[in-house]
Amino acid sequence: MPEPRAPMGQPDAPLDPEPAAAVRAERGEGICAERGEGTAAERPKADDVACTAEEIIERVVQEGLLRRGGPVVVMLSGGRDSVCLIDLACSICSAENVQALHVNYGLRAQADEDEAHCEQLCERVGVRLTAHRVSRPAKAGNLQAWAREVRYAAARQIAEQKGALIAVGHTATDQVETILYRLAASPGRRALLGMSAREGRLIRPLLSLTREQTAAYCIARGLRWREDESNLSARYARNRVRHGLLEALRAVHPAAQGNVLRTAELLRQETALLDGLVDDELDGGASISLERLQQLQPALARLLLIRLAEDACGRYVPQAGDRVAELLELGRKAPRAQLHVGGNVAAMIEDGRLWMVKLPPRDRGEAGGAGGG
């Protein structure tokens, strides 16, 4: 059975739990958390499954994302999750196979302190560190989007040179927050699938661990991390989900976080089945007859159109699935037709068959069905 198809180019990129110095640029940085300390929010909660450091290492080994002896680039912000990740990578892959990347955006006074902390940590664990310093261009646009692109581009460059994977510190807690955010901000089933454990070179070895477990791991291993006090601020959507929505759900039921994760896992399994049905209908092709489209169950017809649109433009276009009836009617009226179905994609109809094409930007408003749309 095929793996669920990961969203391609969705506008709502995963909320990054380790936004590094850039995303924290306009925030205040807390103190370094010492062994045995940390805020109450960082200490393991009563309803969190306690694990020893050794059990966490074994769990990550069994999941197979970090390979023994395999090269890996760890994106290191200095926060709790990335500190936990680099120590796990050293334990599993061995330090000589681990390369750390820290991006210093220089946007606030504490940025150099973050970098110095990462240097000290890497020296302690015996890992090579690349500290990448950049300045934000005047026309960079959205700060988070720019910072994300900068650090991922830097990580890809190192990883490609070394034939390595790229490891990021997204946790199960981040997964829940991302799912809840997408549920509010994006329509469609894919919003509920969450982040994949692996996407090409990118791996997320901590997706089975909660934020409380990574904190407990760091405390047990005597690892210090940089604390970000602005995580309490309601200014950022991620924090509103974390402290508002997620806490409200826990008040409804203490197992809310686990239930969200389990639901996402079930949906990923069901998505694999649905993707297989779409694969069977297309049979390796990129078009379908209008006669066959008419015969399909509405849900399958919708998914098939979404797939054709995604394959045509390289990104998720869920609104294409809403045009089934319109396209069938258009096909009955004209032997040749074109209909803009969303994004920069148009459906083409000719001689009873339908396929999708990517439109150049200048044509996005011009595509219509047989002269309309």
Protein backbone atom coordinates (compact mmCIF):
# COMPACT_ATOMS: atom_id res chain seq x y z
CA MET A 1 0.00 0.00 0.00
CA PRO A 2 1.46 3.40 -0.92
CA GLU A 3 2.48 5.90 1.73
CA PRO A 4 0.18 8.91 2.21
CA ARG A 5 1.15 11.70 -0.14
CA ALA A 6 2.74 14.56 1.76
CA PRO A 7 1.25 18.02 1.10
CA MET A 8 3.16 19.82 -1.62
CA GLY A 9 3.79 23.50 -1.14
CA GLN A 10 0.92 24.09 1.27
CA PRO A 11 0.65 27.74 2.28
CA ASP A 12 0.37 26.77 5.93
CA ALA A 13 3.85 25.31 6.52
CA PRO A 14 4.32 23.31 9.73
CA LEU A 15 4.62 25.44 12.81
CA ASP A 16 8.29 25.26 13.70
CA PRO A 17 8.92 24.47 17.38
CA GLU A 18 12.54 25.55 17.08
CA PRO A 19 12.25 28.84 15.15
CA ALA A 20 15.88 29.63 15.97
CA ALA A 21 17.13 33.10 16.65
CA ALA A 22 15.39 34.71 13.71
CA VAL A 23 11.87 33.71 14.60
CA ARG A 24 12.64 34.68 18.18
CA ALA A 25 14.22 37.93 17.05
CA GLU A 26 11.51 40.23 18.28
CA ARG A 27 11.03 38.21 21.45
CA GLY A 28 12.84 38.13 24.77
CA GLU A 29 15.17 35.21 25.47
CA GLY A 30 14.99 33.51 28.83
CA ILE A 31 17.86 32.16 30.86
CA CYS A 32 19.59 28.88 30.21
CA ALA A 33 17.75 26.07 31.98
CA GLU A 34 20.08 24.31 34.37
CA ARG A 35 19.98 20.62 35.22
CA GLY A 36 17.02 19.90 37.46
CA GLU A 37 15.49 23.32 36.83
CA GLY A 38 13.26 24.81 34.15
CA THR A 39 9.82 26.36 34.36
CA ALA A 40 6.80 24.46 35.59
CA ALA A 41 5.57 24.29 32.00
CA GLU A 42 8.74 22.43 31.02
CA ARG A 43 8.68 19.82 33.77
CA PRO A 44 7.05 16.47 32.98
CA LYS A 45 3.30 16.56 33.57
CA ALA A 46 1.39 14.00 35.58
CA ASP A 47 -0.42 12.69 32.51
CA ASP A 48 2.79 12.42 30.44
CA VAL A 49 4.35 8.99 29.99
CA ALA A 50 7.65 9.04 31.86
CA CYS A 51 10.65 7.49 30.13
CA THR A 52 14.25 7.20 31.17
CA ALA A 53 16.93 8.63 28.87
CA GLU A 54 17.91 5.08 27.94
CA GLU A 55 14.32 4.20 27.02
CA ILE A 56 14.08 7.31 24.85
CA ILE A 57 17.30 6.41 23.04
CA GLU A 58 16.00 2.89 22.43
CA ARG A 59 12.67 4.19 21.15
CA VAL A 60 14.36 6.49 18.65
CA VAL A 61 16.67 3.67 17.55
CA GLN A 62 13.70 1.38 16.92
CA GLU A 63 11.96 4.00 14.80
CA GLY A 64 14.95 3.89 12.46
CA LEU A 65 15.17 7.52 11.37
CA LEU A 66 18.59 8.01 12.95
CA ARG A 67 20.83 5.27 11.60
CA ARG A 68 23.81 3.94 13.49
CA GLY A 69 26.89 5.25 11.72
CA GLY A 70 24.80 7.29 9.30
CA PRO A 71 25.70 10.94 8.57
CA VAL A 72 23.19 13.53 9.77
CA VAL A 73 22.93 17.32 9.93
CA VAL A 74 21.14 18.47 13.08
CA MET A 75 19.47 21.87 12.99
CA LEU A 76 20.43 23.33 16.35
CA SER A 77 18.76 26.43 17.77
CA GLY A 78 19.89 25.83 21.33
CA GLY A 79 16.33 25.19 22.53
CA ARG A 80 15.30 22.16 24.51
CA ASP A 81 14.16 19.97 21.63
CA SER A 82 17.18 20.55 19.40
CA VAL A 83 19.53 20.00 22.35
CA CYS A 84 17.81 16.69 23.05
CA LEU A 85 18.05 15.81 19.35
CA ILE A 86 21.76 16.44 18.97
CA ASP A 87 22.54 14.35 22.05
CA LEU A 88 20.39 11.51 20.69
CA ALA A 89 22.12 11.79 17.32
CA CYS A 90 25.52 11.49 18.98
CA SER A 91 24.37 8.48 21.00
CA ILE A 92 22.95 6.68 17.98
CA CYS A 93 25.00 7.82 14.99
CA SER A 94 28.22 8.60 16.91
CA ALA A 95 29.54 12.15 17.16
CA GLU A 96 31.92 11.94 14.20
CA ASN A 97 28.91 11.40 11.89
CA VAL A 98 26.96 14.37 13.25
CA GLN A 99 27.18 17.91 11.89
CA ALA A 100 25.32 20.70 13.71
CA LEU A 101 23.96 23.81 12.02
CA HIS A 102 23.09 26.97 13.91
CA VAL A 103 21.80 30.03 12.06
CA ASN A 104 22.50 33.40 13.66
CA TYR A 105 20.28 36.08 12.15
CA GLY A 106 21.68 38.85 14.35
CA LEU A 107 18.28 40.38 14.88
CA ARG A 108 18.44 40.78 18.65
CA ALA A 109 20.95 41.22 21.42
CA GLN A 110 20.80 37.60 22.58
CA ALA A 111 21.59 36.10 19.16
CA ASP A 112 25.31 35.85 19.88
CA GLU A 113 24.54 34.22 23.25
CA ASP A 114 22.51 31.57 21.43
CA GLU A 115 25.43 30.91 19.10
CA ALA A 116 27.92 30.75 21.98
CA HIS A 117 25.70 28.28 23.81
CA CYS A 118 25.54 26.04 20.71
CA GLU A 119 29.33 26.22 20.36
CA GLN A 120 29.80 25.14 23.98
CA LEU A 121 27.30 22.31 23.61
CA CYS A 122 28.90 21.00 20.43
CA GLU A 123 32.34 21.15 22.00
CA ARG A 124 31.03 19.14 24.94
CA VAL A 125 29.46 16.40 22.80
CA GLY A 126 32.27 16.39 20.23
CA VAL A 127 30.27 17.56 17.22
CA ARG A 128 31.32 19.87 14.39
CA LEU A 129 29.26 23.07 14.30
CA THR A 130 28.59 25.33 11.36
CA ALA A 131 27.41 28.74 12.57
CA HIS A 132 25.73 30.46 9.65
CA ARG A 133 25.39 34.25 10.03
CA VAL A 134 22.94 36.12 7.83
CA SER A 135 21.20 39.50 7.71
CA ARG A 136 17.58 39.95 6.90
CA PRO A 137 17.06 41.73 3.56
CA ALA A 138 14.94 44.86 3.60
CA LYS A 139 12.30 43.17 1.44
CA ALA A 140 12.36 39.76 3.10
CA GLY A 141 8.61 39.79 3.77
CA ASN A 142 7.32 37.43 6.45
CA LEU A 143 10.01 36.93 9.09
CA GLN A 144 9.20 33.30 9.88
CA ALA A 145 8.99 32.30 6.21
CA TRP A 146 12.30 34.00 5.41
CA ALA A 147 14.08 32.49 8.42
CA ARG A 148 12.75 29.04 7.63
CA GLU A 149 13.94 29.22 4.03
CA VAL A 150 17.39 30.45 5.07
CA ARG A 151 18.05 27.69 7.59
CA TYR A 152 16.64 24.89 5.47
CA ALA A 153 18.64 26.03 2.44
CA ALA A 154 21.81 26.07 4.56
CA ALA A 155 21.02 22.60 5.91
CA ARG A 156 20.36 21.21 2.43
CA GLN A 157 23.67 22.53 1.16
CA ILE A 158 25.64 20.81 3.93
CA ALA A 159 23.59 17.60 3.70
CA GLU A 160 24.06 17.30 -0.06
CA GLN A 161 27.81 17.71 0.27
CA LYS A 162 28.00 14.98 2.90
CA GLY A 163 25.25 12.68 1.63
CA ALA A 164 23.54 13.21 4.98
CA LEU A 165 20.04 13.41 6.35
CA ILE A 166 18.67 16.60 7.93
CA ALA A 167 17.21 16.16 11.41
CA VAL A 168 14.84 18.68 12.99
CA GLY A 169 13.40 18.69 16.49
CA HIS A 170 9.64 18.59 15.92
CA THR A 171 7.95 16.68 18.76
CA ALA A 172 4.59 15.00 19.30
CA THR A 173 3.46 18.15 21.09
CA ASP A 174 4.39 20.24 18.05
CA GLN A 175 2.52 17.74 15.90
CA VAL A 176 -0.68 18.29 17.88
CA GLU A 177 -0.30 22.06 17.74
CA THR A 178 0.32 21.94 13.99
CA ILE A 179 -2.75 19.76 13.38
CA LEU A 180 -4.97 22.05 15.44
CA TYR A 181 -3.63 25.13 13.68
CA ARG A 182 -4.16 23.62 10.24
CA LEU A 183 -7.64 22.46 11.21
CA ALA A 184 -8.54 26.08 11.96
CA ALA A 185 -6.68 27.61 8.99
CA SER A 186 -6.97 25.09 6.13
CA PRO A 187 -9.83 23.05 4.65
CA GLY A 188 -9.51 19.41 3.74
CA ARG A 189 -8.40 16.09 5.16
CA ARG A 190 -4.71 16.75 4.62
CA ALA A 191 -4.78 19.48 7.23
CA LEU A 192 -5.34 16.72 9.79
CA LEU A 193 -2.48 14.46 8.71
CA GLY A 194 0.21 16.45 10.48
CA MET A 195 3.92 16.33 9.70
CA SER A 196 5.52 13.26 8.18
CA ALA A 197 8.34 11.53 10.04
CA ARG A 198 10.38 11.66 6.83
CA GLU A 199 10.23 13.84 3.73
CA GLY A 200 13.15 13.13 1.43
CA ARG A 201 16.32 14.02 3.36
CA LEU A 202 14.34 15.64 6.16
CA ILE A 203 13.67 13.50 9.24
CA ARG A 204 11.84 14.19 12.49
CA PRO A 205 13.18 11.68 15.02
CA LEU A 206 11.34 13.23 17.99
CA LEU A 207 7.77 12.95 16.69
CA SER A 208 6.97 10.19 19.18
CA LEU A 209 8.23 12.25 22.13
CA THR A 210 6.38 15.02 23.91
CA ARG A 211 7.90 18.36 24.80
CA GLU A 212 7.90 17.28 28.44
CA GLN A 213 9.86 14.14 27.57
CA THR A 214 12.56 16.06 25.72
CA ALA A 215 12.89 18.37 28.73
CA ALA A 216 13.15 15.38 31.08
CA TYR A 217 15.77 13.81 28.79
CA CYS A 218 17.90 16.96 28.86
CA ILE A 219 17.65 17.19 32.64
CA ALA A 220 18.61 13.54 33.05
CA ARG A 221 21.60 13.99 30.74
CA GLY A 222 22.70 17.23 32.38
CA LEU A 223 22.15 19.25 29.21
CA ARG A 224 21.47 22.98 29.36
CA TRP A 225 19.21 24.70 26.86
CA ARG A 226 18.12 28.19 25.93
CA GLU A 227 14.67 29.07 27.18
CA ASP A 228 12.39 31.35 25.17
CA GLU A 229 10.12 33.36 27.46
CA SER A 230 8.05 34.66 24.56
CA ASN A 231 6.51 31.18 24.25
CA LEU A 232 4.05 32.57 26.79
CA SER A 233 3.07 35.48 24.55
CA ALA A 234 -0.33 35.43 22.85
CA ARG A 235 1.14 37.44 19.96
CA TYR A 236 2.01 34.32 18.00
CA ALA A 237 -0.52 31.85 16.60
CA ARG A 238 1.53 28.89 17.81
CA ASN A 239 1.31 30.14 21.39
CA ARG A 240 -2.42 30.79 21.16
CA VAL A 241 -2.91 27.20 20.05
CA ARG A 242 -0.59 25.88 22.77
CA HIS A 243 -1.85 27.86 25.74
CA GLY A 244 -5.43 28.46 24.66
CA LEU A 245 -6.83 25.78 22.41
CA LEU A 246 -4.74 22.82 23.54
CA GLU A 247 -5.18 23.58 27.21
CA ALA A 248 -8.94 23.92 26.67
CA LEU A 249 -9.03 20.50 25.02
CA ARG A 250 -7.08 18.99 27.91
CA ALA A 251 -9.66 20.48 30.24
CA VAL A 252 -12.37 18.65 28.30
CA HIS A 253 -10.42 15.37 28.42
CA PRO A 254 -6.94 14.72 29.84
CA ALA A 255 -6.09 12.40 26.92
CA ALA A 256 -6.88 15.06 24.30
CA GLN A 257 -3.30 15.30 23.01
CA GLY A 258 -2.97 11.54 22.60
CA ASN A 259 -6.37 11.32 20.93
CA VAL A 260 -5.43 13.97 18.37
CA LEU A 261 -2.23 12.10 17.57
CA ARG A 262 -4.04 8.78 17.28
CA THR A 263 -6.69 10.30 15.00
CA ALA A 264 -3.97 11.71 12.75
CA GLU A 265 -2.29 8.30 12.57
CA LEU A 266 -5.56 6.62 11.60
CA LEU A 267 -6.18 9.27 8.95
CA ARG A 268 -2.70 8.71 7.52
CA GLN A 269 -3.46 5.00 7.21
CA GLU A 270 -6.80 5.71 5.55
CA THR A 271 -5.15 8.25 3.26
CA ALA A 272 -2.77 5.54 2.05
CA LEU A 273 -5.80 3.46 1.11
CA LEU A 274 -7.52 6.35 -0.67
CA ASP A 275 -4.34 7.27 -2.53
CA GLY A 276 -4.14 3.67 -3.70
CA LEU A 277 -7.66 3.86 -5.12
CA VAL A 278 -6.77 7.02 -7.01
CA ASP A 279 -3.60 5.32 -8.31
CA ASP A 280 -5.69 2.41 -9.57
CA GLU A 281 -8.06 4.72 -11.44
CA LEU A 282 -5.27 6.67 -13.12
CA ASP A 283 -3.17 3.55 -13.76
CA GLY A 284 -0.03 5.60 -14.31
CA GLY A 285 -1.75 8.11 -16.58
CA ALA A 286 -2.48 11.80 -16.22
CA SER A 287 -6.05 11.96 -17.50
CA ILE A 288 -9.45 10.32 -17.09
CA SER A 289 -12.46 9.93 -19.32
CA LEU A 290 -15.50 12.01 -18.41
CA GLU A 291 -17.60 8.86 -18.65
CA ARG A 292 -15.50 7.16 -15.97
CA LEU A 293 -15.41 10.30 -13.80
CA GLN A 294 -19.21 10.33 -13.88
CA GLN A 295 -19.32 6.71 -12.64
CA LEU A 296 -17.06 7.24 -9.62
CA GLN A 297 -18.29 7.74 -6.09
CA PRO A 298 -18.33 11.50 -5.38
CA ALA A 299 -15.55 11.27 -2.79
CA LEU A 300 -13.27 9.34 -5.15
CA ALA A 301 -14.01 11.68 -8.06
CA ARG A 302 -13.11 14.64 -5.86
CA LEU A 303 -9.82 13.05 -4.74
CA LEU A 304 -8.93 12.17 -8.30
CA LEU A 305 -9.33 15.76 -9.49
CA ILE A 306 -7.24 17.00 -6.57
CA ARG A 307 -4.52 14.51 -7.52
CA LEU A 308 -4.51 15.58 -11.17
CA ALA A 309 -4.27 19.23 -10.14
CA GLU A 310 -1.47 18.53 -7.67
CA ASP A 311 0.52 16.53 -10.20
CA ALA A 312 0.11 19.33 -12.74
CA CYS A 313 1.36 22.21 -10.59
CA GLY A 314 3.37 20.56 -7.79
CA ARG A 315 1.25 21.80 -4.93
CA TYR A 316 -1.95 20.89 -3.09
CA VAL A 317 -5.07 22.39 -4.73
CA PRO A 318 -8.00 21.10 -2.64
CA GLN A 319 -10.51 23.43 -4.30
CA ALA A 320 -10.10 21.49 -7.55
CA GLY A 321 -12.17 18.72 -5.99
CA ASP A 322 -15.20 20.99 -5.79
CA ARG A 323 -15.45 21.29 -9.59
CA VAL A 324 -16.54 17.73 -10.45
CA ALA A 325 -20.15 18.54 -11.36
CA GLU A 326 -19.15 21.73 -13.19
CA LEU A 327 -16.59 19.88 -15.29
CA LEU A 328 -18.99 17.08 -16.17
CA GLU A 329 -21.59 19.63 -17.26
CA LEU A 330 -18.97 21.52 -19.26
CA GLY A 331 -17.97 18.32 -21.02
CA ARG A 332 -21.59 17.69 -22.05
CA LYS A 333 -21.90 21.17 -23.55
CA ALA A 334 -18.66 21.45 -25.51
CA PRO A 335 -16.21 18.98 -27.07
CA ARG A 336 -13.30 21.22 -26.06
CA ALA A 337 -13.18 23.36 -22.93
CA GLN A 338 -10.93 24.80 -20.28
CA LEU A 339 -11.76 25.66 -16.66
CA HIS A 340 -9.66 27.32 -13.99
CA VAL A 341 -10.00 25.00 -10.95
CA GLY A 342 -7.95 26.91 -8.40
CA GLY A 343 -4.40 27.98 -7.75
CA ASN A 344 -2.58 28.13 -11.07
CA VAL A 345 -4.23 25.05 -12.55
CA ALA A 346 -6.73 24.61 -15.36
CA ALA A 347 -8.72 21.54 -16.31
CA MET A 348 -8.65 20.71 -20.03
CA ILE A 349 -11.42 18.76 -21.75
CA GLU A 350 -11.11 17.35 -25.23
CA ASP A 351 -12.75 14.36 -26.96
CA GLY A 352 -14.29 13.11 -23.74
CA ARG A 353 -11.12 13.16 -21.64
CA LEU A 354 -10.01 15.46 -18.84
CA TRP A 355 -6.54 16.43 -17.68
CA MET A 356 -4.92 19.31 -15.83
CA VAL A 357 -2.28 21.85 -16.85
CA LYS A 358 -0.25 24.40 -14.92
CA LEU A 359 -1.00 27.97 -15.93
CA PRO A 360 1.64 30.68 -16.18
CA PRO A 361 0.92 33.46 -13.68
CA ARG A 362 -0.31 35.89 -16.33
CA ASP A 363 -3.01 33.44 -17.44
CA ARG A 364 -4.46 32.62 -14.03
CA GLY A 365 -7.37 35.00 -14.43
CA GLU A 366 -7.95 34.13 -18.08
CA ALA A 367 -8.75 30.44 -17.83
CA GLY A 368 -12.46 29.71 -18.00
CA GLY A 369 -14.83 27.06 -19.19
CA ALA A 370 -15.48 27.29 -22.93
CA GLY A 371 -15.11 31.04 -22.68
CA GLY A 372 -16.27 31.44 -19.07
CA GLY A 373 -15.35 30.26 -15.62
